[in-house]
Structure formats: structure tokens, C-alpha cells
Protein backbone atom coordinates (compact mmCIF):
# COMPACT_ATOMS: atom_id res chain seq x y z
CA MET A 1 15.04 20.11 10.11
CA SER A 2 16.09 18.17 7.04
CA SER A 3 19.61 16.89 6.61
CA PRO A 4 21.47 18.94 3.97
CA ASN A 5 22.63 15.85 2.05
CA VAL A 6 19.14 14.41 1.50
CA SER A 7 17.83 14.66 -2.06
CA TYR A 8 14.11 14.31 -2.76
CA ALA A 9 12.52 13.30 -6.05
CA LEU A 10 9.40 11.96 -7.67
CA GLU A 11 10.22 8.36 -8.65
CA PRO A 12 7.22 6.74 -10.33
CA GLY A 13 9.48 3.97 -11.70
CA LEU A 14 10.99 2.96 -8.34
CA GLU A 15 12.11 -0.68 -8.41
CA ALA A 16 10.42 -3.16 -6.07
CA GLU A 17 13.77 -4.44 -4.72
CA GLU A 18 14.77 -0.99 -3.45
CA PHE A 19 11.32 -0.48 -1.94
CA LEU A 20 11.47 -3.85 -0.17
CA ASP A 21 14.93 -3.12 1.21
CA LEU A 22 13.73 0.19 2.65
CA LEU A 23 10.62 -1.42 4.13
CA VAL A 24 12.92 -3.73 6.11
CA ARG A 25 15.28 -0.93 7.18
CA SER A 26 12.33 1.20 8.33
CA THR A 27 10.44 -1.61 10.17
CA LEU A 28 7.40 -1.06 7.92
CA ALA A 29 8.02 -4.55 6.52
CA GLU A 30 6.31 -5.86 9.66
CA ARG A 31 3.01 -4.57 8.23
CA ARG A 32 3.47 -4.98 4.47
CA PRO A 33 3.20 -8.07 2.21
CA VAL A 34 6.95 -8.38 1.66
CA GLY A 35 6.61 -12.07 0.81
CA GLU A 36 4.33 -11.24 -2.14
CA PRO A 37 6.55 -9.75 -4.88
CA GLU A 38 3.69 -9.27 -7.35
CA THR A 39 1.68 -7.37 -4.74
CA ILE A 40 4.68 -5.13 -4.00
CA ARG A 41 5.18 -4.44 -7.71
CA GLY A 42 1.48 -3.63 -8.06
CA MET A 43 1.62 -1.27 -5.06
CA LEU A 44 4.33 0.71 -6.83
CA ARG A 45 2.87 0.47 -10.33
CA HIS A 46 -0.56 1.76 -9.29
CA ALA A 47 0.53 4.52 -6.93
CA ASP A 48 -0.24 8.06 -8.10
CA VAL A 49 2.59 9.77 -6.21
CA ILE A 50 5.90 8.27 -5.10
CA VAL A 51 8.32 10.67 -3.42
CA THR A 52 11.72 9.39 -2.39
CA ALA A 53 14.52 10.61 -0.16
CA ARG A 54 18.08 9.54 -0.91
CA VAL A 55 21.45 10.08 0.73
CA ASP A 56 24.39 9.49 -1.59
CA GLY A 57 22.11 7.44 -3.85
CA LEU A 58 20.82 5.19 -1.04
CA LEU A 59 17.04 5.14 -0.69
CA VAL A 60 16.40 6.26 2.92
CA GLY A 61 12.76 7.34 2.71
CA ILE A 62 9.60 6.96 0.67
CA SER A 63 6.10 8.29 0.60
CA ARG A 64 3.63 6.40 -1.60
CA ALA A 65 0.16 7.82 -2.16
CA ILE A 66 -3.05 7.26 -4.06
CA THR A 67 -5.01 10.39 -4.95
CA ASP A 68 -7.71 11.88 -7.17
CA PHE A 69 -5.69 15.16 -7.19
CA ASN A 70 -8.83 17.11 -6.24
CA TYR A 71 -10.44 15.96 -3.01
CA CYS A 72 -8.46 13.31 -1.15
CA THR A 73 -5.01 11.78 -0.96
CA TYR A 74 -4.39 8.51 0.86
CA LEU A 75 -0.79 8.32 2.01
CA SER A 76 -0.49 4.55 2.07
CA ASP A 77 3.22 4.20 2.90
CA LEU A 78 5.58 6.49 4.76
CA ALA A 79 8.87 4.78 5.52
CA VAL A 80 12.19 6.19 6.70
CA ASP A 81 15.25 4.05 7.36
CA VAL A 82 15.66 3.77 11.15
CA ALA A 83 19.25 5.07 10.83
CA PHE A 84 17.92 8.30 9.24
CA GLN A 85 14.89 9.00 11.43
CA ARG A 86 14.52 12.18 13.52
CA ARG A 87 16.04 14.33 10.77
CA GLY A 88 12.81 15.74 9.31
CA ILE A 89 12.78 13.34 6.36
CA GLY A 90 9.29 11.97 7.10
CA ARG A 91 7.85 15.44 7.52
CA GLU A 92 9.41 16.58 4.23
CA LEU A 93 8.17 13.48 2.39
CA ILE A 94 4.63 14.20 3.62
CA ARG A 95 4.89 17.87 2.63
CA ARG A 96 6.13 17.05 -0.87
CA THR A 97 3.53 14.32 -1.35
CA HIS A 98 0.70 16.65 -0.36
CA GLU A 99 2.10 19.39 -2.58
CA GLU A 100 2.32 17.03 -5.56
CA ALA A 101 -1.21 15.67 -5.00
CA GLY A 102 -2.62 19.15 -4.39
CA THR A 103 -2.78 20.89 -1.05
CA ARG A 104 -6.53 21.32 -1.51
CA THR A 105 -6.86 17.56 -1.06
CA THR A 106 -7.35 16.10 2.39
CA LEU A 107 -4.32 13.98 3.24
CA ILE A 108 -5.33 10.75 4.99
CA LEU A 109 -3.19 7.99 6.51
CA LEU A 110 -3.47 5.08 8.89
CA ALA A 111 -0.66 5.26 11.43
CA ALA A 112 1.48 2.27 12.27
CA PRO A 113 1.18 1.55 16.00
CA LYS A 114 4.75 2.70 16.69
CA ALA A 115 4.14 5.97 14.80
CA ARG A 116 0.87 7.10 16.41
CA SER A 117 2.59 9.77 18.51
CA TYR A 118 4.59 11.12 15.55
CA TYR A 119 1.77 12.54 13.44
CA PRO A 120 0.28 14.97 15.98
CA ARG A 121 3.79 16.40 16.50
CA ILE A 122 3.98 17.39 12.83
CA GLY A 123 0.54 19.02 12.80
CA MET A 124 -1.77 16.22 11.70
CA ALA A 125 -5.15 15.87 13.41
CA PRO A 126 -6.48 12.51 14.63
CA HIS A 127 -9.75 11.19 13.23
CA ASP A 128 -11.85 8.85 15.32
CA SER A 129 -14.08 7.34 12.66
CA CYS A 130 -12.01 5.14 10.40
CA TRP A 131 -13.19 1.69 9.43
CA VAL A 132 -11.44 -0.96 7.40
CA ILE A 133 -12.20 -4.20 5.64
CA PRO A 134 -8.96 -6.22 5.88
CA ARG A 135 -7.48 -7.57 2.68
CA ALA A 136 -8.34 -11.15 1.82
CA PRO A 137 -5.51 -13.66 2.15
CA ARG A 138 -3.89 -14.87 -1.04
CA PRO A 139 -5.05 -18.34 -1.98
CA GLY A 140 -2.50 -21.00 -1.10
CA PRO A 141 -1.26 -23.76 -3.36
CA PRO A 142 -3.86 -26.38 -4.28
CA SER A 143 -4.08 -29.28 -1.86
């Protein structure tokens, strides 16, 4: 059940600083390139759907997705401030993201290790055949 004082919105122009702050407060920063500001800005700039949750103006949740609006939607970030978890915010962010992208698309995500047990509880099915090619490291300064 969602908290009554949570407001949800599409925020395609979300600022990187707010996003970074929420990543830290949600623990997702452990698995995101928070030390690469240009990468973070690009993640926001090139997302197709960004749904936010706010309480009294404070960003407490975000869903960031890439989609073709017809067949598949990759939910690349789902983050909820630890202090606001277990209130239905994540579930509502997913619902609104899928609705915005088109419910006829297949919604796909890679679960953070700590969140693996969450997704089946909200009705998502596991998939046993996912493969990844990890991102290449950024080149360091010249030696």
C-alpha cells in the first residue's frame, strides 16, 4: 500500500545530483558508476521513461527505463530511499513505468542481490537465461 503523501511524476529532466543522492540513500550506489558524473548524466539523458516518487519535494524513489514502447522495456534502475521502503513505492514505480512504456511490452530487469526476493513477491517471474557482457572500464589518465 502506497503512502498517501507520496507524489509520482514523469521527470525526464531529473537532475543528476538528485539522482546520485537517491542512489546513495537507497544503497543502489554500490552498483552504479557514481564516481562518473558524465555517465550518470548520460544515463538520465538517454532514458526513455523516468518515474519519480517524492515526499514533500524530496526524491524518495525512481524508476528509470529504456524501451521501444512496443515489445520490451528494460527497467534499468529501481531505487527507493531505505527510510521509505516497505510502503509500496517500488511496486507503484514499476506499475507506472510499465504503464508509461506500454503494458504490452515485456518488462525486464536485473535484480540487485539484496532485492532478489522482492520481485517474486510483487508478481514478477524469474528468468533463468540472462547473459551479460560487463561494461568496459573507463580509460584512466595517461601514464
